Amino acid sequence: MLSQVKRIPRAAGLLGWTADAVALNAAVPRELSRLGHHAGRPAPGPPARGAGLLLVAAGATLTGWAFATHYQAAPRGWALQAAPTPGYLLRKGPYRWSRNPMYAGEATVWAGWALFYASPAVWAGLAVVSAAFATIVPWEERRLLERFGEDYRAYLADVPRWVPRAPRRPRPADRRRLRADRDRNHQGGALEKEHYR
């Protein structure tokens, strides 16, 4: 008899992820901002604080979207295993445009807090978090390549690691090929309709 895989229920996983995200991306920057509080630095002006809050909101939205995508992909919860590699390959939601939207969102949140607080300690925290992500991601990619093989290799080729690519305009040769494919499909459809008359 096969042993049943133990799983973290989706609600517990979501609660844990949310608590971790709030602790790392809100509580830690706030506490770091207090480290130089009495140094006599002038407070940042409203434009910098407003821009910081916009970045925090944008990063939190991206991170939340990535969490929601994971939540939808694991209807039975997440398998408890030694390696933190999911049992599924995400290519939807924000994962269509970035292989690491969760990390990108968190780094954006940190950049927003750094602007908002104008604290050298928060800027240093952003540098540490970014360096940690830059170290973790290649390790995770190797694990995912081992697990998903060619499917993940194709994903690596299609989707950038961090920042989405600008949509590229098809070259003339690509446009001609697309037109030919469309015409061939259209003719095939017309022939099929003729066959059933």
Protein backbone atom coordinates (compact mmCIF):
# COMPACT_ATOMS: atom_id res chain seq x y z
CA MET A 1 0.00 0.00 0.00
CA LEU A 2 1.36 3.39 -0.99
CA SER A 3 1.87 5.86 1.81
CA GLN A 4 -0.26 8.96 1.53
CA VAL A 5 1.63 12.21 0.94
CA LYS A 6 1.19 14.59 3.84
CA ARG A 7 0.07 18.01 2.74
CA ILE A 8 -0.15 21.50 4.15
CA PRO A 9 -3.81 22.52 3.76
CA ARG A 10 -4.32 25.47 1.44
CA ALA A 11 -5.77 27.71 4.14
CA ALA A 12 -2.83 27.02 6.49
CA GLY A 13 -0.34 27.60 3.69
CA LEU A 14 -1.97 30.87 2.73
CA LEU A 15 -2.03 32.00 6.36
CA GLY A 16 1.64 31.09 6.80
CA TRP A 17 2.68 32.84 3.57
CA THR A 18 0.72 35.94 4.52
CA ALA A 19 2.25 36.08 8.01
CA ASP A 20 5.75 35.62 6.56
CA ALA A 21 5.16 38.30 3.91
CA VAL A 22 3.88 40.84 6.44
CA ALA A 23 6.74 40.13 8.84
CA LEU A 24 9.47 40.30 6.19
CA ASN A 25 8.06 43.07 4.03
CA ALA A 26 6.37 45.42 6.51
CA ALA A 27 7.48 44.79 10.12
CA VAL A 28 11.21 44.37 9.39
CA PRO A 29 11.51 47.56 7.26
CA ARG A 30 9.59 49.51 9.90
CA GLU A 31 11.90 48.33 12.67
CA LEU A 32 14.98 48.98 10.53
CA SER A 33 13.75 52.53 9.89
CA ARG A 34 13.94 53.18 13.61
CA LEU A 35 17.66 52.35 13.75
CA GLY A 36 18.86 55.80 12.74
CA HIS A 37 15.76 57.64 13.88
CA HIS A 38 17.61 59.99 16.24
CA ALA A 39 20.44 60.78 13.83
CA GLY A 40 18.92 64.15 12.93
CA ARG A 41 18.16 63.28 9.33
CA PRO A 42 15.39 65.32 7.73
CA ALA A 43 12.21 63.41 7.03
CA PRO A 44 11.58 62.61 3.36
CA GLY A 45 9.26 65.00 1.54
CA PRO A 46 5.73 64.08 0.45
CA PRO A 47 6.72 63.22 -3.16
CA ALA A 48 9.26 60.62 -2.01
CA ARG A 49 6.90 59.21 0.60
CA GLY A 50 4.05 59.05 -1.93
CA ALA A 51 6.25 57.35 -4.54
CA GLY A 52 7.38 54.91 -1.84
CA LEU A 53 3.80 54.01 -0.93
CA LEU A 54 2.95 53.49 -4.62
CA LEU A 55 5.86 51.06 -4.92
CA VAL A 56 4.77 49.27 -1.74
CA ALA A 57 1.22 48.91 -3.15
CA ALA A 58 2.49 47.72 -6.55
CA GLY A 59 4.87 45.18 -5.01
CA ALA A 60 2.25 43.92 -2.56
CA THR A 61 -0.24 43.50 -5.42
CA LEU A 62 2.25 41.51 -7.49
CA THR A 63 3.18 39.32 -4.52
CA GLY A 64 -0.49 38.74 -3.68
CA TRP A 65 -1.24 37.80 -7.30
CA ALA A 66 1.63 35.28 -7.22
CA PHE A 67 0.30 33.83 -3.93
CA ALA A 68 -3.19 33.54 -5.45
CA THR A 69 -1.77 31.73 -8.48
CA HIS A 70 -0.04 29.18 -6.24
CA TYR A 71 -3.23 28.81 -4.22
CA GLN A 72 -5.25 27.97 -7.35
CA ALA A 73 -2.60 25.53 -8.61
CA ALA A 74 -2.71 23.40 -5.44
CA PRO A 75 -6.35 22.51 -4.76
CA ARG A 76 -5.31 19.75 -2.31
CA GLY A 77 -2.64 21.84 -0.59
CA TRP A 78 1.15 21.65 -0.77
CA ALA A 79 3.11 18.44 -0.26
CA LEU A 80 5.39 18.39 2.77
CA GLN A 81 8.84 17.67 1.41
CA ALA A 82 12.46 18.50 2.16
CA ALA A 83 12.96 20.65 -0.95
CA PRO A 84 10.71 23.69 -1.32
CA THR A 85 10.05 22.95 -4.99
CA PRO A 86 6.36 22.79 -5.89
CA GLY A 87 4.93 19.74 -7.61
CA TYR A 88 3.58 21.89 -10.44
CA LEU A 89 5.01 24.29 -13.00
CA LEU A 90 3.24 27.64 -13.10
CA ARG A 91 2.90 29.38 -16.45
CA LYS A 92 -0.18 31.46 -15.71
CA GLY A 93 -0.95 34.59 -13.76
CA PRO A 94 2.16 36.73 -13.23
CA TYR A 95 4.31 33.69 -14.05
CA ARG A 96 3.52 34.30 -17.74
CA TRP A 97 5.74 37.40 -17.66
CA SER A 98 8.30 36.76 -14.89
CA ARG A 99 9.69 33.53 -13.50
CA ASN A 100 9.94 35.12 -10.04
CA PRO A 101 7.05 37.54 -9.54
CA MET A 102 6.90 36.84 -5.80
CA TYR A 103 10.53 37.84 -5.27
CA ALA A 104 10.20 40.77 -7.68
CA GLY A 105 7.13 41.96 -5.77
CA GLU A 106 8.91 41.70 -2.42
CA ALA A 107 11.96 43.61 -3.71
CA THR A 108 9.60 46.30 -5.02
CA VAL A 109 7.94 46.55 -1.60
CA TRP A 110 11.36 46.98 0.03
CA ALA A 111 12.31 49.68 -2.49
CA GLY A 112 9.07 51.46 -1.64
CA TRP A 113 9.77 51.35 2.10
CA ALA A 114 13.32 52.57 1.48
CA LEU A 115 11.91 55.63 -0.30
CA PHE A 116 9.17 56.11 2.28
CA TYR A 117 11.43 55.96 5.33
CA ALA A 118 14.58 57.39 3.67
CA SER A 119 16.56 55.27 6.10
CA PRO A 120 20.04 53.92 5.31
CA ALA A 121 19.16 50.82 7.34
CA VAL A 122 16.14 50.11 5.11
CA TRP A 123 18.25 50.68 1.97
CA ALA A 124 20.76 48.20 3.41
CA GLY A 125 17.88 45.79 4.08
CA LEU A 126 16.82 46.11 0.43
CA ALA A 127 20.39 45.26 -0.64
CA VAL A 128 20.46 42.20 1.64
CA VAL A 129 17.02 40.96 0.47
CA SER A 130 17.97 41.48 -3.19
CA ALA A 131 21.28 39.63 -2.73
CA ALA A 132 19.43 36.77 -1.01
CA PHE A 133 16.95 36.50 -3.90
CA ALA A 134 19.79 36.60 -6.45
CA THR A 135 21.41 33.67 -4.61
CA ILE A 136 18.23 31.63 -4.05
CA VAL A 137 16.81 31.89 -7.58
CA PRO A 138 19.59 30.03 -9.47
CA TRP A 139 19.43 27.24 -6.87
CA GLU A 140 15.63 27.01 -7.27
CA GLU A 141 15.96 27.01 -11.06
CA ARG A 142 18.35 24.04 -10.91
CA ARG A 143 15.86 22.15 -8.73
CA LEU A 144 12.98 22.97 -11.10
CA LEU A 145 15.06 21.89 -14.11
CA GLU A 146 15.75 18.55 -12.41
CA ARG A 147 12.07 18.10 -11.63
CA PHE A 148 10.44 19.31 -14.86
CA GLY A 149 13.19 18.82 -17.47
CA GLU A 150 12.39 20.05 -20.96
CA ASP A 151 9.16 21.76 -19.90
CA TYR A 152 11.12 23.99 -17.54
CA ARG A 153 13.90 24.51 -20.10
CA ALA A 154 11.28 25.83 -22.55
CA TYR A 155 9.87 28.07 -19.79
CA LEU A 156 13.39 29.43 -19.13
CA ALA A 157 13.67 30.32 -22.82
CA ASP A 158 10.21 31.96 -22.98
CA VAL A 159 9.97 33.94 -19.74
CA PRO A 160 12.59 36.30 -18.25
CA ARG A 161 13.87 35.78 -14.72
CA TRP A 162 12.79 39.15 -13.29
CA VAL A 163 11.40 41.91 -15.48
CA PRO A 164 8.90 41.21 -18.27
CA ARG A 165 10.10 41.86 -21.79
CA ALA A 166 8.43 44.52 -23.84
CA PRO A 167 6.23 42.90 -26.46
CA ARG A 168 8.24 42.74 -29.61
CA ARG A 169 6.82 43.64 -32.94
CA PRO A 170 6.86 40.69 -35.33
CA ARG A 171 9.53 40.90 -38.03
CA PRO A 172 8.32 40.99 -41.67
CA ALA A 173 9.20 37.29 -42.15
CA ASP A 174 7.23 36.39 -39.00
CA ARG A 175 4.24 38.44 -40.18
CA ARG A 176 4.29 36.66 -43.57
CA ARG A 177 4.42 33.25 -41.84
CA LEU A 178 1.53 34.21 -39.50
CA ARG A 179 -0.53 35.41 -42.49
CA ALA A 180 0.18 32.17 -44.37
CA ASP A 181 -0.81 30.09 -41.32
CA ARG A 182 -4.01 32.11 -40.90
CA ASP A 183 -4.86 31.73 -44.61
CA ARG A 184 -4.15 27.99 -44.50
CA ASN A 185 -6.39 27.63 -41.41
CA HIS A 186 -9.11 29.69 -43.08
CA GLN A 187 -8.95 27.55 -46.24
CA GLY A 188 -9.02 24.37 -44.15
CA GLY A 189 -12.14 25.63 -42.37
CA ALA A 190 -13.82 26.48 -45.68
CA LEU A 191 -12.98 23.03 -47.08
CA GLU A 192 -14.35 21.39 -43.94
CA LYS A 193 -17.62 23.34 -44.25
CA GLU A 194 -17.84 22.35 -47.93
CA HIS A 195 -17.34 18.69 -46.99
CA TYR A 196 -20.30 18.74 -44.58
CA ARG A 197 -22.75 20.41 -46.99
